All heavy atoms as atom14 arrays in JSON, in Angstrom:
{
  "sequence": "DWLAHVLQDTGAPVVLTQQRLRDSLPPHSAHTLCLDSDSADFALE",
  "atom14_mask": [
    [1, 1, 1, 1, 1, 1, 1, 1, 0, 0, 0, 0, 0, 0],
    [1, 1, 1, 1, 1, 1, 1, 1, 1, 1, 1, 1, 1, 1],
    [1, 1, 1, 1, 1, 1, 1, 1, 0, 0, 0, 0, 0, 0],
    [1, 1, 1, 1, 1, 0, 0, 0, 0, 0, 0, 0, 0, 0],
    [1, 1, 1, 1, 1, 1, 1, 1, 1, 1, 0, 0, 0, 0],
    [1, 1, 1, 1, 1, 1, 1, 0, 0, 0, 0, 0, 0, 0],
    [1, 1, 1, 1, 1, 1, 1, 1, 0, 0, 0, 0, 0, 0],
    [1, 1, 1, 1, 1, 1, 1, 1, 1, 0, 0, 0, 0, 0],
    [1, 1, 1, 1, 1, 1, 1, 1, 0, 0, 0, 0, 0, 0],
    [1, 1, 1, 1, 1, 1, 1, 0, 0, 0, 0, 0, 0, 0],
    [1, 1, 1, 1, 0, 0, 0, 0, 0, 0, 0, 0, 0, 0],
    [1, 1, 1, 1, 1, 0, 0, 0, 0, 0, 0, 0, 0, 0],
    [1, 1, 1, 1, 1, 1, 1, 0, 0, 0, 0, 0, 0, 0],
    [1, 1, 1, 1, 1, 1, 1, 0, 0, 0, 0, 0, 0, 0],
    [1, 1, 1, 1, 1, 1, 1, 0, 0, 0, 0, 0, 0, 0],
    [1, 1, 1, 1, 1, 1, 1, 1, 0, 0, 0, 0, 0, 0],
    [1, 1, 1, 1, 1, 1, 1, 0, 0, 0, 0, 0, 0, 0],
    [1, 1, 1, 1, 1, 1, 1, 1, 1, 0, 0, 0, 0, 0],
    [1, 1, 1, 1, 1, 1, 1, 1, 1, 0, 0, 0, 0, 0],
    [1, 1, 1, 1, 1, 1, 1, 1, 1, 1, 1, 0, 0, 0],
    [1, 1, 1, 1, 1, 1, 1, 1, 0, 0, 0, 0, 0, 0],
    [1, 1, 1, 1, 1, 1, 1, 1, 1, 1, 1, 0, 0, 0],
    [1, 1, 1, 1, 1, 1, 1, 1, 0, 0, 0, 0, 0, 0],
    [1, 1, 1, 1, 1, 1, 0, 0, 0, 0, 0, 0, 0, 0],
    [1, 1, 1, 1, 1, 1, 1, 1, 0, 0, 0, 0, 0, 0],
    [1, 1, 1, 1, 1, 1, 1, 0, 0, 0, 0, 0, 0, 0],
    [1, 1, 1, 1, 1, 1, 1, 0, 0, 0, 0, 0, 0, 0],
    [1, 1, 1, 1, 1, 1, 1, 1, 1, 1, 0, 0, 0, 0],
    [1, 1, 1, 1, 1, 1, 0, 0, 0, 0, 0, 0, 0, 0],
    [1, 1, 1, 1, 1, 0, 0, 0, 0, 0, 0, 0, 0, 0],
    [1, 1, 1, 1, 1, 1, 1, 1, 1, 1, 0, 0, 0, 0],
    [1, 1, 1, 1, 1, 1, 1, 0, 0, 0, 0, 0, 0, 0],
    [1, 1, 1, 1, 1, 1, 1, 1, 0, 0, 0, 0, 0, 0],
    [1, 1, 1, 1, 1, 1, 0, 0, 0, 0, 0, 0, 0, 0],
    [1, 1, 1, 1, 1, 1, 1, 1, 0, 0, 0, 0, 0, 0],
    [1, 1, 1, 1, 1, 1, 1, 1, 0, 0, 0, 0, 0, 0],
    [1, 1, 1, 1, 1, 1, 0, 0, 0, 0, 0, 0, 0, 0],
    [1, 1, 1, 1, 1, 1, 1, 1, 0, 0, 0, 0, 0, 0],
    [1, 1, 1, 1, 1, 1, 0, 0, 0, 0, 0, 0, 0, 0],
    [1, 1, 1, 1, 1, 0, 0, 0, 0, 0, 0, 0, 0, 0],
    [1, 1, 1, 1, 1, 1, 1, 1, 0, 0, 0, 0, 0, 0],
    [1, 1, 1, 1, 1, 1, 1, 1, 1, 1, 1, 0, 0, 0],
    [1, 1, 1, 1, 1, 0, 0, 0, 0, 0, 0, 0, 0, 0],
    [1, 1, 1, 1, 1, 1, 1, 1, 0, 0, 0, 0, 0, 0],
    [1, 1, 1, 1, 1, 1, 1, 1, 1, 0, 0, 0, 0, 0]
  ],
  "atom14_positions": [
    [[12.57, 87.68, 167.14], [11.97, 87.92, 168.46], [12.96, 88.64, 169.36], [12.57, 89.51, 170.15], [11.54, 86.61, 169.1], [10.29, 86.0, 168.46], [9.67, 86.73, 167.66], [9.96, 84.83, 168.77], [0.0, 0.0, 0.0], [0.0, 0.0, 0.0], [0.0, 0.0, 0.0], [0.0, 0.0, 0.0], [0.0, 0.0, 0.0], [0.0, 0.0, 0.0]],
    [[14.22, 88.26, 169.26], [15.28, 88.92, 170.05], [15.41, 90.37, 169.65], [15.44, 91.26, 170.5], [16.61, 88.16, 169.84], [17.68, 88.5, 170.78], [18.05, 87.88, 171.92], [18.61, 89.6, 170.66], [19.15, 88.49, 172.52], [19.49, 89.54, 171.77], [18.78, 90.64, 169.72], [20.51, 90.49, 171.97], [19.81, 91.58, 169.92], [20.66, 91.5, 171.02]],
    [[15.45, 90.63, 168.33], [15.57, 92.0, 167.85], [14.35, 92.83, 168.25], [14.48, 93.99, 168.66], [15.71, 92.0, 166.3], [16.9, 91.26, 165.73], [16.89, 91.32, 164.21], [18.23, 91.77, 166.29], [0.0, 0.0, 0.0], [0.0, 0.0, 0.0], [0.0, 0.0, 0.0], [0.0, 0.0, 0.0], [0.0, 0.0, 0.0], [0.0, 0.0, 0.0]],
    [[13.17, 92.25, 168.14], [11.94, 92.96, 168.49], [11.93, 93.34, 169.99], [11.54, 94.44, 170.34], [10.71, 92.12, 168.15], [0.0, 0.0, 0.0], [0.0, 0.0, 0.0], [0.0, 0.0, 0.0], [0.0, 0.0, 0.0], [0.0, 0.0, 0.0], [0.0, 0.0, 0.0], [0.0, 0.0, 0.0], [0.0, 0.0, 0.0], [0.0, 0.0, 0.0]],
    [[12.41, 92.41, 170.82], [12.47, 92.68, 172.24], [13.4, 93.84, 172.55], [13.05, 94.72, 173.35], [12.94, 91.42, 173.0], [13.26, 91.7, 174.43], [12.3, 91.98, 175.39], [14.46, 91.73, 175.1], [12.91, 92.19, 176.57], [14.22, 92.04, 176.41], [0.0, 0.0, 0.0], [0.0, 0.0, 0.0], [0.0, 0.0, 0.0], [0.0, 0.0, 0.0]],
    [[14.56, 93.86, 171.93], [15.55, 94.92, 172.18], [15.0, 96.27, 171.72], [15.11, 97.29, 172.45], [16.89, 94.6, 171.49], [17.82, 95.81, 171.57], [17.52, 93.4, 172.13], [0.0, 0.0, 0.0], [0.0, 0.0, 0.0], [0.0, 0.0, 0.0], [0.0, 0.0, 0.0], [0.0, 0.0, 0.0], [0.0, 0.0, 0.0], [0.0, 0.0, 0.0]],
    [[14.4, 96.31, 170.55], [13.86, 97.58, 170.02], [12.73, 98.1, 170.92], [12.62, 99.3, 171.16], [13.37, 97.38, 168.58], [14.48, 97.18, 167.54], [13.86, 96.72, 166.23], [15.26, 98.49, 167.35], [0.0, 0.0, 0.0], [0.0, 0.0, 0.0], [0.0, 0.0, 0.0], [0.0, 0.0, 0.0], [0.0, 0.0, 0.0], [0.0, 0.0, 0.0]],
    [[11.89, 97.21, 171.4], [10.78, 97.6, 172.26], [11.29, 97.98, 173.65], [10.85, 98.96, 174.23], [9.75, 96.48, 172.36], [8.56, 96.84, 173.22], [7.54, 95.73, 173.29], [7.79, 94.63, 172.8], [6.36, 96.0, 173.87], [0.0, 0.0, 0.0], [0.0, 0.0, 0.0], [0.0, 0.0, 0.0], [0.0, 0.0, 0.0], [0.0, 0.0, 0.0]],
    [[12.19, 97.21, 174.2], [12.7, 97.4, 175.56], [13.44, 98.74, 175.7], [13.28, 99.46, 176.68], [13.63, 96.24, 175.96], [13.88, 96.18, 177.45], [12.92, 96.43, 178.21], [15.01, 95.82, 177.84], [0.0, 0.0, 0.0], [0.0, 0.0, 0.0], [0.0, 0.0, 0.0], [0.0, 0.0, 0.0], [0.0, 0.0, 0.0], [0.0, 0.0, 0.0]],
    [[14.24, 99.09, 174.71], [15.02, 100.32, 174.75], [14.19, 101.54, 174.36], [14.47, 102.64, 174.79], [16.25, 100.27, 173.82], [15.79, 100.06, 172.49], [17.2, 99.17, 174.24], [0.0, 0.0, 0.0], [0.0, 0.0, 0.0], [0.0, 0.0, 0.0], [0.0, 0.0, 0.0], [0.0, 0.0, 0.0], [0.0, 0.0, 0.0], [0.0, 0.0, 0.0]],
    [[13.16, 101.32, 173.51], [12.44, 102.49, 172.98], [13.35, 103.39, 172.17], [13.18, 104.61, 172.16], [0.0, 0.0, 0.0], [0.0, 0.0, 0.0], [0.0, 0.0, 0.0], [0.0, 0.0, 0.0], [0.0, 0.0, 0.0], [0.0, 0.0, 0.0], [0.0, 0.0, 0.0], [0.0, 0.0, 0.0], [0.0, 0.0, 0.0], [0.0, 0.0, 0.0]],
    [[14.35, 102.79, 171.51], [15.33, 103.59, 170.77], [14.65, 104.46, 169.75], [13.85, 103.99, 168.96], [16.33, 102.66, 170.09], [0.0, 0.0, 0.0], [0.0, 0.0, 0.0], [0.0, 0.0, 0.0], [0.0, 0.0, 0.0], [0.0, 0.0, 0.0], [0.0, 0.0, 0.0], [0.0, 0.0, 0.0], [0.0, 0.0, 0.0], [0.0, 0.0, 0.0]],
    [[14.95, 105.77, 169.74], [14.28, 106.68, 168.79], [14.81, 106.57, 167.36], [14.16, 106.99, 166.43], [14.54, 108.05, 169.36], [15.8, 107.9, 170.15], [15.81, 106.51, 170.68], [0.0, 0.0, 0.0], [0.0, 0.0, 0.0], [0.0, 0.0, 0.0], [0.0, 0.0, 0.0], [0.0, 0.0, 0.0], [0.0, 0.0, 0.0], [0.0, 0.0, 0.0]],
    [[16.03, 106.05, 167.22], [16.68, 105.98, 165.92], [17.29, 104.6, 165.68], [17.88, 104.05, 166.63], [17.8, 107.06, 165.75], [18.48, 106.95, 164.41], [17.2, 108.46, 165.94], [0.0, 0.0, 0.0], [0.0, 0.0, 0.0], [0.0, 0.0, 0.0], [0.0, 0.0, 0.0], [0.0, 0.0, 0.0], [0.0, 0.0, 0.0], [0.0, 0.0, 0.0]],
    [[17.14, 104.06, 164.5], [17.84, 102.84, 164.12], [18.78, 103.17, 162.97], [18.36, 103.68, 161.92], [16.86, 101.75, 163.68], [17.64, 100.55, 163.04], [16.06, 101.23, 164.85], [0.0, 0.0, 0.0], [0.0, 0.0, 0.0], [0.0, 0.0, 0.0], [0.0, 0.0, 0.0], [0.0, 0.0, 0.0], [0.0, 0.0, 0.0], [0.0, 0.0, 0.0]],
    [[20.08, 102.95, 163.18], [21.08, 103.12, 162.11], [21.3, 101.77, 161.46], [21.63, 100.8, 162.14], [22.4, 103.63, 162.7], [22.37, 104.99, 163.38], [23.76, 105.29, 163.98], [21.99, 106.08, 162.41], [0.0, 0.0, 0.0], [0.0, 0.0, 0.0], [0.0, 0.0, 0.0], [0.0, 0.0, 0.0], [0.0, 0.0, 0.0], [0.0, 0.0, 0.0]],
    [[21.15, 101.68, 160.14], [21.28, 100.42, 159.45], [21.77, 100.66, 158.04], [22.25, 101.75, 157.71], [19.95, 99.63, 159.48], [20.17, 98.33, 158.93], [18.85, 100.36, 158.74], [0.0, 0.0, 0.0], [0.0, 0.0, 0.0], [0.0, 0.0, 0.0], [0.0, 0.0, 0.0], [0.0, 0.0, 0.0], [0.0, 0.0, 0.0], [0.0, 0.0, 0.0]],
    [[21.66, 99.63, 157.2], [21.99, 99.73, 155.78], [20.79, 99.27, 155.01], [19.95, 98.49, 155.49], [23.22, 98.87, 155.45], [24.49, 99.35, 156.17], [25.64, 98.37, 156.0], [25.43, 97.16, 155.89], [26.86, 98.87, 156.02], [0.0, 0.0, 0.0], [0.0, 0.0, 0.0], [0.0, 0.0, 0.0], [0.0, 0.0, 0.0], [0.0, 0.0, 0.0]],
    [[20.72, 99.69, 153.76], [19.51, 99.41, 152.97], [19.26, 97.92, 152.84], [18.11, 97.46, 152.96], [19.69, 100.01, 151.55], [18.43, 99.97, 150.7], [17.3, 100.8, 151.27], [17.52, 101.88, 151.76], [16.09, 100.26, 151.24], [0.0, 0.0, 0.0], [0.0, 0.0, 0.0], [0.0, 0.0, 0.0], [0.0, 0.0, 0.0], [0.0, 0.0, 0.0]],
    [[20.33, 97.11, 152.68], [20.13, 95.67, 152.49], [19.65, 94.96, 153.76], [19.11, 93.85, 153.68], [21.46, 95.03, 152.04], [22.57, 95.13, 153.05], [23.9, 94.57, 152.55], [24.97, 94.74, 153.5], [25.23, 93.92, 154.52], [24.46, 92.85, 154.7], [26.21, 94.17, 155.35], [0.0, 0.0, 0.0], [0.0, 0.0, 0.0], [0.0, 0.0, 0.0]],
    [[19.77, 95.64, 154.92], [19.35, 95.02, 156.17], [18.0, 95.55, 156.67], [17.41, 95.0, 157.6], [20.39, 95.26, 157.26], [21.78, 94.72, 157.03], [22.75, 95.2, 158.11], [21.75, 93.18, 157.01], [0.0, 0.0, 0.0], [0.0, 0.0, 0.0], [0.0, 0.0, 0.0], [0.0, 0.0, 0.0], [0.0, 0.0, 0.0], [0.0, 0.0, 0.0]],
    [[17.53, 96.57, 156.03], [16.33, 97.29, 156.51], [15.14, 96.37, 156.64], [14.43, 96.39, 157.64], [16.02, 98.46, 155.58], [14.93, 99.35, 156.07], [14.82, 100.62, 155.25], [13.89, 101.56, 155.84], [13.87, 102.87, 155.55], [14.74, 103.36, 154.7], [12.98, 103.66, 156.12], [0.0, 0.0, 0.0], [0.0, 0.0, 0.0], [0.0, 0.0, 0.0]],
    [[14.93, 95.54, 155.66], [13.71, 94.67, 155.65], [13.84, 93.51, 156.64], [12.87, 92.79, 156.9], [13.45, 94.15, 154.24], [13.03, 95.28, 153.28], [12.58, 96.31, 153.81], [13.17, 95.09, 152.06], [0.0, 0.0, 0.0], [0.0, 0.0, 0.0], [0.0, 0.0, 0.0], [0.0, 0.0, 0.0], [0.0, 0.0, 0.0], [0.0, 0.0, 0.0]],
    [[15.06, 93.23, 157.13], [15.22, 92.13, 158.07], [14.82, 92.49, 159.49], [14.7, 91.65, 160.35], [16.66, 91.62, 158.06], [17.55, 92.61, 158.59], [0.0, 0.0, 0.0], [0.0, 0.0, 0.0], [0.0, 0.0, 0.0], [0.0, 0.0, 0.0], [0.0, 0.0, 0.0], [0.0, 0.0, 0.0], [0.0, 0.0, 0.0], [0.0, 0.0, 0.0]],
    [[14.63, 93.81, 159.74], [14.24, 94.24, 161.05], [12.76, 93.99, 161.31], [11.94, 94.11, 160.38], [14.51, 95.75, 161.21], [15.97, 96.19, 161.32], [16.07, 97.7, 161.2], [16.55, 95.73, 162.67], [0.0, 0.0, 0.0], [0.0, 0.0, 0.0], [0.0, 0.0, 0.0], [0.0, 0.0, 0.0], [0.0, 0.0, 0.0], [0.0, 0.0, 0.0]],
    [[12.38, 93.63, 162.51], [10.95, 93.47, 162.84], [10.31, 94.84, 162.87], [10.99, 95.88, 162.9], [10.99, 92.83, 164.23], [12.3, 93.23, 164.8], [13.25, 93.31, 163.67], [0.0, 0.0, 0.0], [0.0, 0.0, 0.0], [0.0, 0.0, 0.0], [0.0, 0.0, 0.0], [0.0, 0.0, 0.0], [0.0, 0.0, 0.0], [0.0, 0.0, 0.0]],
    [[8.96, 94.9, 162.84], [8.27, 96.19, 162.89], [8.69, 97.0, 164.15], [8.82, 96.44, 165.25], [6.79, 95.79, 162.97], [6.74, 94.45, 162.37], [8.03, 93.79, 162.71], [0.0, 0.0, 0.0], [0.0, 0.0, 0.0], [0.0, 0.0, 0.0], [0.0, 0.0, 0.0], [0.0, 0.0, 0.0], [0.0, 0.0, 0.0], [0.0, 0.0, 0.0]],
    [[8.92, 98.29, 163.97], [9.3, 99.13, 165.1], [8.87, 100.57, 164.81], [8.51, 100.91, 163.68], [10.84, 99.06, 165.3], [11.64, 99.51, 164.12], [11.95, 100.83, 163.93], [12.15, 98.84, 163.09], [12.65, 100.94, 162.8], [12.8, 99.73, 162.27], [0.0, 0.0, 0.0], [0.0, 0.0, 0.0], [0.0, 0.0, 0.0], [0.0, 0.0, 0.0]],
    [[8.92, 101.4, 165.83], [8.46, 102.79, 165.69], [9.63, 103.78, 165.57], [9.38, 104.99, 165.5], [7.58, 103.15, 166.9], [8.31, 103.0, 168.09], [0.0, 0.0, 0.0], [0.0, 0.0, 0.0], [0.0, 0.0, 0.0], [0.0, 0.0, 0.0], [0.0, 0.0, 0.0], [0.0, 0.0, 0.0], [0.0, 0.0, 0.0], [0.0, 0.0, 0.0]],
    [[10.85, 103.3, 165.57], [12.01, 104.18, 165.52], [12.17, 104.78, 164.11], [11.75, 104.21, 163.11], [13.28, 103.43, 165.9], [0.0, 0.0, 0.0], [0.0, 0.0, 0.0], [0.0, 0.0, 0.0], [0.0, 0.0, 0.0], [0.0, 0.0, 0.0], [0.0, 0.0, 0.0], [0.0, 0.0, 0.0], [0.0, 0.0, 0.0], [0.0, 0.0, 0.0]],
    [[12.85, 105.95, 164.09], [13.18, 106.57, 162.81], [14.4, 105.82, 162.23], [15.44, 105.69, 162.89], [13.51, 108.05, 163.04], [13.89, 108.77, 161.76], [13.09, 108.85, 160.67], [15.04, 109.43, 161.44], [13.7, 109.54, 159.73], [14.89, 109.9, 160.16], [0.0, 0.0, 0.0], [0.0, 0.0, 0.0], [0.0, 0.0, 0.0], [0.0, 0.0, 0.0]],
    [[14.28, 105.33, 161.01], [15.33, 104.55, 160.4], [16.22, 105.37, 159.52], [15.72, 106.12, 158.65], [14.74, 103.37, 159.59], [13.91, 102.57, 160.44], [15.83, 102.5, 159.0], [0.0, 0.0, 0.0], [0.0, 0.0, 0.0], [0.0, 0.0, 0.0], [0.0, 0.0, 0.0], [0.0, 0.0, 0.0], [0.0, 0.0, 0.0], [0.0, 0.0, 0.0]],
    [[17.52, 105.29, 159.72], [18.51, 105.97, 158.84], [19.38, 104.89, 158.24], [19.97, 104.07, 158.97], [19.36, 106.94, 159.67], [18.69, 108.18, 160.23], [19.67, 108.95, 161.11], [18.19, 109.08, 159.09], [0.0, 0.0, 0.0], [0.0, 0.0, 0.0], [0.0, 0.0, 0.0], [0.0, 0.0, 0.0], [0.0, 0.0, 0.0], [0.0, 0.0, 0.0]],
    [[19.49, 104.91, 156.92], [20.36, 103.99, 156.21], [21.7, 104.69, 155.9], [21.69, 105.7, 155.2], [19.73, 103.48, 154.93], [18.3, 102.39, 155.22], [0.0, 0.0, 0.0], [0.0, 0.0, 0.0], [0.0, 0.0, 0.0], [0.0, 0.0, 0.0], [0.0, 0.0, 0.0], [0.0, 0.0, 0.0], [0.0, 0.0, 0.0], [0.0, 0.0, 0.0]],
    [[22.78, 104.17, 156.43], [24.05, 104.83, 156.32], [24.56, 104.9, 154.89], [25.4, 105.74, 154.55], [25.1, 104.16, 157.22], [24.8, 104.25, 158.71], [25.78, 103.41, 159.5], [24.84, 105.7, 159.17], [0.0, 0.0, 0.0], [0.0, 0.0, 0.0], [0.0, 0.0, 0.0], [0.0, 0.0, 0.0], [0.0, 0.0, 0.0], [0.0, 0.0, 0.0]],
    [[24.04, 104.0, 154.02], [24.47, 104.01, 152.63], [23.51, 104.79, 151.75], [23.85, 105.8, 151.16], [24.68, 102.58, 152.12], [23.52, 101.66, 152.47], [22.52, 102.1, 153.04], [23.63, 100.43, 152.19], [0.0, 0.0, 0.0], [0.0, 0.0, 0.0], [0.0, 0.0, 0.0], [0.0, 0.0, 0.0], [0.0, 0.0, 0.0], [0.0, 0.0, 0.0]],
    [[22.25, 104.41, 151.69], [21.32, 105.03, 150.76], [20.89, 106.45, 151.18], [20.43, 107.23, 150.35], [20.05, 104.15, 150.61], [19.43, 103.92, 151.87], [0.0, 0.0, 0.0], [0.0, 0.0, 0.0], [0.0, 0.0, 0.0], [0.0, 0.0, 0.0], [0.0, 0.0, 0.0], [0.0, 0.0, 0.0], [0.0, 0.0, 0.0], [0.0, 0.0, 0.0]],
    [[21.08, 106.82, 152.45], [20.72, 108.16, 152.9], [21.94, 109.08, 152.95], [21.87, 110.18, 153.52], [20.08, 108.11, 154.29], [18.73, 107.44, 154.29], [18.12, 107.37, 153.23], [18.3, 106.95, 155.36], [0.0, 0.0, 0.0], [0.0, 0.0, 0.0], [0.0, 0.0, 0.0], [0.0, 0.0, 0.0], [0.0, 0.0, 0.0], [0.0, 0.0, 0.0]],
    [[23.06, 108.67, 152.36], [24.31, 109.43, 152.49], [24.2, 110.83, 151.92], [24.84, 111.77, 152.41], [25.48, 108.66, 151.86], [25.19, 108.42, 150.49], [0.0, 0.0, 0.0], [0.0, 0.0, 0.0], [0.0, 0.0, 0.0], [0.0, 0.0, 0.0], [0.0, 0.0, 0.0], [0.0, 0.0, 0.0], [0.0, 0.0, 0.0], [0.0, 0.0, 0.0]],
    [[23.39, 111.01, 150.89], [23.22, 112.33, 150.27], [22.62, 113.31, 151.25], [23.0, 114.5, 151.3], [22.41, 112.24, 149.0], [0.0, 0.0, 0.0], [0.0, 0.0, 0.0], [0.0, 0.0, 0.0], [0.0, 0.0, 0.0], [0.0, 0.0, 0.0], [0.0, 0.0, 0.0], [0.0, 0.0, 0.0], [0.0, 0.0, 0.0], [0.0, 0.0, 0.0]],
    [[21.67, 112.83, 152.08], [21.05, 113.7, 153.06], [22.07, 114.06, 154.17], [22.09, 115.19, 154.65], [19.84, 113.0, 153.7], [18.73, 112.8, 152.72], [18.64, 113.58, 151.76], [17.96, 111.84, 152.9], [0.0, 0.0, 0.0], [0.0, 0.0, 0.0], [0.0, 0.0, 0.0], [0.0, 0.0, 0.0], [0.0, 0.0, 0.0], [0.0, 0.0, 0.0]],
    [[22.89, 113.1, 154.52], [23.91, 113.39, 155.56], [24.89, 114.46, 155.11], [25.38, 115.25, 155.92], [24.7, 112.11, 155.94], [23.83, 111.0, 156.46], [24.2, 109.68, 156.26], [22.69, 111.27, 157.17], [23.4, 108.65, 156.75], [21.89, 110.23, 157.68], [22.25, 108.92, 157.47], [0.0, 0.0, 0.0], [0.0, 0.0, 0.0], [0.0, 0.0, 0.0]],
    [[25.19, 114.48, 153.8], [26.15, 115.42, 153.27], [25.69, 116.88, 153.45], [26.49, 117.82, 153.41], [26.42, 115.15, 151.81], [0.0, 0.0, 0.0], [0.0, 0.0, 0.0], [0.0, 0.0, 0.0], [0.0, 0.0, 0.0], [0.0, 0.0, 0.0], [0.0, 0.0, 0.0], [0.0, 0.0, 0.0], [0.0, 0.0, 0.0], [0.0, 0.0, 0.0]],
    [[24.38, 117.08, 153.65], [23.83, 118.42, 153.8], [23.91, 118.92, 155.26], [23.68, 120.1, 155.52], [22.35, 118.45, 153.35], [22.09, 118.0, 151.92], [20.59, 118.0, 151.63], [22.8, 118.93, 150.92], [0.0, 0.0, 0.0], [0.0, 0.0, 0.0], [0.0, 0.0, 0.0], [0.0, 0.0, 0.0], [0.0, 0.0, 0.0], [0.0, 0.0, 0.0]],
    [[24.26, 118.03, 156.18], [24.31, 118.42, 157.58], [25.59, 119.18, 157.91], [26.55, 119.15, 157.16], [24.24, 117.15, 158.46], [22.95, 116.35, 158.33], [21.77, 117.09, 158.9], [21.97, 117.97, 159.76], [20.62, 116.8, 158.46], [0.0, 0.0, 0.0], [0.0, 0.0, 0.0], [0.0, 0.0, 0.0], [0.0, 0.0, 0.0], [0.0, 0.0, 0.0]]
  ]
}
């Protein structure tokens, strides 16, 4: 409930997380980036 309130209150457009934590987040509308599993995409930037 605390996490959901913060995500909704801020309207954060991006959530930076890790793959193992992704499912622990409450439902949200932000774009999720996993710093570990998405690393190949970051390498192209």
